[in-house]
Amino acid sequence: MSEAAATRRRATTRERLLDAGRDLLAREGIHGASVEHICEHAGYTRGAFYSNFSSKDELVLALFEREFADLMRRLEVAVDPSTYAGMGPGDALSAIMDRFLQLRPPDLDFYLLHAEFQLRGMRGDIGGAEFNELWQTVTEQVGGIVQRVLDELNLRLSVPMSQVITILMGTYDTELHSALVNDRPMDEELLRVTLPGLLLAATEPAS
């Protein structure tokens, strides 16, 4: 096998292990999902696991890095200025939210994973400090994206960005939580209308 083929095979194995970890961690929790169960779910041996990750904790760290990288990629696509050129602020923000929901449909597994990661951060478990640091980076990146959109729409915030991000992300998470505990689909229409409305309420014309 060539070096390039071996590299591709290793990358495929790693992704399948991460996919299996995602499924199991969302359903069984970080403590409940064993390395053996993850290997079984992915269809690999323990040897394959340990050739990619030194421990389950390393897989957990790699998983939430992958999840947040995917979240940010999809958000960047959703805010492409060419897709809302010529629209008024309200319509533009609604179009961005609609596109984001299409690119990343509501995912209760992600909510459960995020809850697991948050608990690690609050408890100071292995990986908790790394999660807290990454989450801070994510919120800063989201703030940067929101600022770029507002600049495109010639709007400026009338309240601090940190408060806006807390409100927007908190509203999204609250709806996810409600959908999860009530065993129902997320109210996407609520998000399409409410999140843009909340952001507009915190802005004013820049000039």
Protein backbone atom coordinates (compact mmCIF):
# COMPACT_ATOMS: atom_id res chain seq x y z
CA MET A 1 0.00 0.00 0.00
CA SER A 2 1.35 3.43 -0.95
CA GLU A 3 1.95 6.08 1.70
CA ALA A 4 -0.88 8.21 0.28
CA ALA A 5 -3.30 5.26 0.39
CA ALA A 6 -2.26 4.45 3.94
CA THR A 7 -2.84 8.06 4.96
CA ARG A 8 -6.32 8.05 3.39
CA ARG A 9 -7.16 4.76 5.09
CA ARG A 10 -6.03 6.07 8.45
CA ALA A 11 -8.09 9.24 7.97
CA THR A 12 -11.15 7.16 7.08
CA THR A 13 -10.67 4.99 10.16
CA ARG A 14 -10.32 8.05 12.36
CA GLU A 15 -13.52 9.62 10.98
CA ARG A 16 -15.50 6.42 11.45
CA LEU A 17 -14.31 6.17 15.03
CA LEU A 18 -15.32 9.79 15.61
CA ASP A 19 -18.73 9.13 14.04
CA ALA A 20 -19.21 6.12 16.29
CA GLY A 21 -18.09 8.13 19.29
CA ARG A 22 -20.56 10.87 18.41
CA ASP A 23 -23.46 8.42 18.26
CA LEU A 24 -22.61 6.71 21.52
CA LEU A 25 -21.53 9.73 23.54
CA ALA A 26 -24.84 11.45 22.71
CA ARG A 27 -26.82 8.42 23.89
CA GLU A 28 -24.72 7.00 26.71
CA GLY A 29 -22.66 9.95 27.89
CA ILE A 30 -18.90 10.29 28.05
CA HIS A 31 -18.58 8.03 31.06
CA GLY A 32 -21.03 5.45 29.75
CA ALA A 33 -19.53 4.91 26.29
CA SER A 34 -16.54 2.58 26.56
CA VAL A 35 -13.67 2.25 24.09
CA GLU A 36 -14.82 -1.30 23.41
CA HIS A 37 -18.35 -0.15 22.57
CA ILE A 38 -17.05 2.62 20.31
CA CYS A 39 -14.85 0.11 18.47
CA GLU A 40 -17.75 -2.32 18.09
CA HIS A 41 -20.03 0.45 16.81
CA ALA A 42 -17.42 1.57 14.27
CA GLY A 43 -16.52 -1.97 13.21
CA TYR A 44 -12.89 -1.76 14.28
CA THR A 45 -10.58 -3.44 16.77
CA ARG A 46 -9.08 -1.81 19.84
CA GLY A 47 -5.80 -1.78 17.91
CA ALA A 48 -7.34 0.46 15.26
CA PHE A 49 -8.65 2.74 17.99
CA TYR A 50 -5.33 3.10 19.75
CA SER A 51 -3.48 3.70 16.50
CA ASN A 52 -5.58 6.86 16.16
CA PHE A 53 -6.25 7.95 19.73
CA SER A 54 -4.24 7.40 22.89
CA SER A 55 -7.41 7.30 25.02
CA LYS A 56 -11.15 7.92 25.00
CA ASP A 57 -10.47 11.41 26.34
CA GLU A 58 -8.37 12.20 23.29
CA LEU A 59 -11.23 11.06 21.05
CA VAL A 60 -13.62 13.30 23.01
CA LEU A 61 -11.35 16.32 22.49
CA ALA A 62 -11.00 15.54 18.78
CA LEU A 63 -14.75 15.13 18.50
CA PHE A 64 -15.73 18.48 19.92
CA GLU A 65 -13.02 20.19 17.87
CA ARG A 66 -14.53 18.58 14.76
CA GLU A 67 -18.09 19.49 15.76
CA PHE A 68 -17.32 23.15 16.31
CA ALA A 69 -15.20 23.39 13.15
CA ASP A 70 -18.15 22.03 11.16
CA LEU A 71 -20.51 24.47 12.88
CA MET A 72 -18.32 27.42 11.98
CA ARG A 73 -17.86 26.28 8.35
CA ARG A 74 -21.60 26.09 7.83
CA LEU A 75 -22.16 29.44 9.51
CA GLU A 76 -19.57 31.06 7.24
CA VAL A 77 -21.40 29.71 4.18
CA ALA A 78 -24.74 30.95 5.52
CA VAL A 79 -23.51 34.54 5.86
CA ASP A 80 -22.08 34.84 2.34
CA PRO A 81 -22.98 38.46 1.45
CA SER A 82 -23.78 37.57 -2.17
CA THR A 83 -26.81 35.58 -1.02
CA TYR A 84 -28.58 38.54 0.58
CA ALA A 85 -27.36 41.42 -1.59
CA GLY A 86 -30.06 44.03 -2.09
CA MET A 87 -32.27 42.80 0.76
CA GLY A 88 -33.36 44.92 3.68
CA PRO A 89 -31.91 44.07 7.10
CA GLY A 90 -34.87 42.02 8.29
CA ASP A 91 -35.13 39.95 5.13
CA ALA A 92 -31.36 39.49 4.98
CA LEU A 93 -31.12 38.21 8.55
CA SER A 94 -34.08 35.88 8.04
CA ALA A 95 -32.46 34.54 4.86
CA ILE A 96 -29.21 33.91 6.74
CA MET A 97 -31.03 32.03 9.50
CA ASP A 98 -33.01 30.00 6.99
CA ARG A 99 -29.85 29.07 5.09
CA PHE A 100 -28.04 28.10 8.29
CA LEU A 101 -30.91 25.82 9.34
CA GLN A 102 -30.83 24.18 5.90
CA LEU A 103 -27.05 23.72 6.02
CA ARG A 104 -27.11 22.42 9.59
CA PRO A 105 -30.55 21.05 10.41
CA PRO A 106 -31.45 20.99 14.12
CA ASP A 107 -29.42 18.19 15.65
CA LEU A 108 -30.39 16.95 19.09
CA ASP A 109 -27.31 14.72 19.22
CA PHE A 110 -25.17 17.84 18.98
CA TYR A 111 -27.12 19.38 21.86
CA LEU A 112 -26.53 16.29 23.99
CA LEU A 113 -22.83 16.27 23.10
CA HIS A 114 -22.55 19.94 23.94
CA ALA A 115 -24.20 19.29 27.30
CA GLU A 116 -21.67 16.54 27.99
CA PHE A 117 -18.81 18.87 27.06
CA GLN A 118 -20.20 21.65 29.24
CA LEU A 119 -20.38 19.33 32.24
CA ARG A 120 -16.72 18.46 31.75
CA GLY A 121 -15.87 22.13 31.71
CA MET A 122 -17.86 22.87 34.85
CA ARG A 123 -16.57 19.85 36.75
CA GLY A 124 -12.97 20.36 35.73
CA ASP A 125 -12.82 16.83 34.27
CA ILE A 126 -10.17 15.79 31.76
CA GLY A 127 -10.69 17.90 28.66
CA GLY A 128 -12.85 20.41 30.52
CA ALA A 129 -10.32 23.25 30.35
CA GLU A 130 -9.80 22.61 26.64
CA PHE A 131 -13.55 22.70 26.07
CA ASN A 132 -13.92 25.98 27.96
CA GLU A 133 -11.13 27.51 25.92
CA LEU A 134 -12.58 26.26 22.64
CA TRP A 135 -16.07 27.46 23.55
CA GLN A 136 -14.69 30.92 24.26
CA THR A 137 -13.04 30.88 20.84
CA VAL A 138 -16.31 29.80 19.21
CA THR A 139 -18.28 32.62 20.84
CA GLU A 140 -15.66 35.13 19.72
CA GLN A 141 -15.78 33.77 16.17
CA VAL A 142 -19.58 33.96 16.14
CA GLY A 143 -19.31 37.55 17.34
CA GLY A 144 -16.92 38.31 14.49
CA ILE A 145 -19.34 36.83 11.97
CA VAL A 146 -22.27 38.79 13.39
CA GLN A 147 -20.20 41.98 13.19
CA ARG A 148 -19.37 41.33 9.52
CA VAL A 149 -23.04 40.85 8.70
CA LEU A 150 -24.00 44.05 10.51
CA ASP A 151 -21.30 45.94 8.63
CA GLU A 152 -22.69 44.62 5.34
CA LEU A 153 -26.16 45.80 6.36
CA ASN A 154 -24.90 49.18 7.58
CA LEU A 155 -26.04 48.49 11.14
CA ARG A 156 -24.31 48.93 14.48
CA LEU A 157 -25.07 47.42 17.85
CA SER A 158 -26.67 49.48 20.59
CA VAL A 159 -25.60 46.94 23.25
CA PRO A 160 -22.33 45.04 23.80
CA MET A 161 -21.63 42.16 21.39
CA SER A 162 -21.18 39.76 24.31
CA GLN A 163 -24.80 40.35 25.35
CA VAL A 164 -26.06 39.85 21.81
CA ILE A 165 -24.22 36.53 21.46
CA THR A 166 -25.54 35.34 24.82
CA ILE A 167 -29.12 36.16 23.76
CA LEU A 168 -28.87 34.63 20.28
CA MET A 169 -27.09 31.44 21.29
CA GLY A 170 -29.19 31.12 24.43
CA THR A 171 -32.43 31.33 22.45
CA TYR A 172 -31.21 28.69 20.00
CA ASP A 173 -30.10 26.36 22.81
CA THR A 174 -33.34 26.86 24.74
CA GLU A 175 -35.43 25.83 21.74
CA LEU A 176 -33.18 22.80 21.20
CA HIS A 177 -33.62 21.83 24.86
CA SER A 178 -37.39 22.24 24.69
CA ALA A 179 -37.57 20.08 21.56
CA LEU A 180 -35.45 17.42 23.22
CA VAL A 181 -37.34 17.12 26.50
CA ASN A 182 -40.75 17.30 24.77
CA ASP A 183 -39.75 14.84 22.04
CA ARG A 184 -40.76 17.14 19.20
CA PRO A 185 -39.09 18.72 16.17
CA MET A 186 -37.51 22.11 16.66
CA ASP A 187 -39.71 25.08 15.82
CA GLU A 188 -37.65 26.29 12.88
CA GLU A 189 -40.13 29.04 12.05
CA LEU A 190 -39.65 30.46 15.53
CA LEU A 191 -35.89 30.60 14.95
CA ARG A 192 -36.28 32.16 11.49
CA VAL A 193 -38.40 34.96 12.95
CA THR A 194 -37.21 35.35 16.54
CA LEU A 195 -33.42 35.36 16.15
CA PRO A 196 -33.34 38.01 13.39
CA GLY A 197 -35.89 40.04 15.39
CA LEU A 198 -33.76 39.92 18.50
CA LEU A 199 -30.68 41.01 16.59
CA LEU A 200 -32.51 43.88 14.87
CA ALA A 201 -33.84 45.04 18.24
CA ALA A 202 -30.24 45.47 19.41
CA THR A 203 -29.11 47.53 16.39
CA GLU A 204 -29.47 50.95 14.85
CA PRO A 205 -28.45 52.43 11.49
CA ALA A 206 -24.71 52.99 11.32
CA SER A 207 -25.12 56.19 9.33
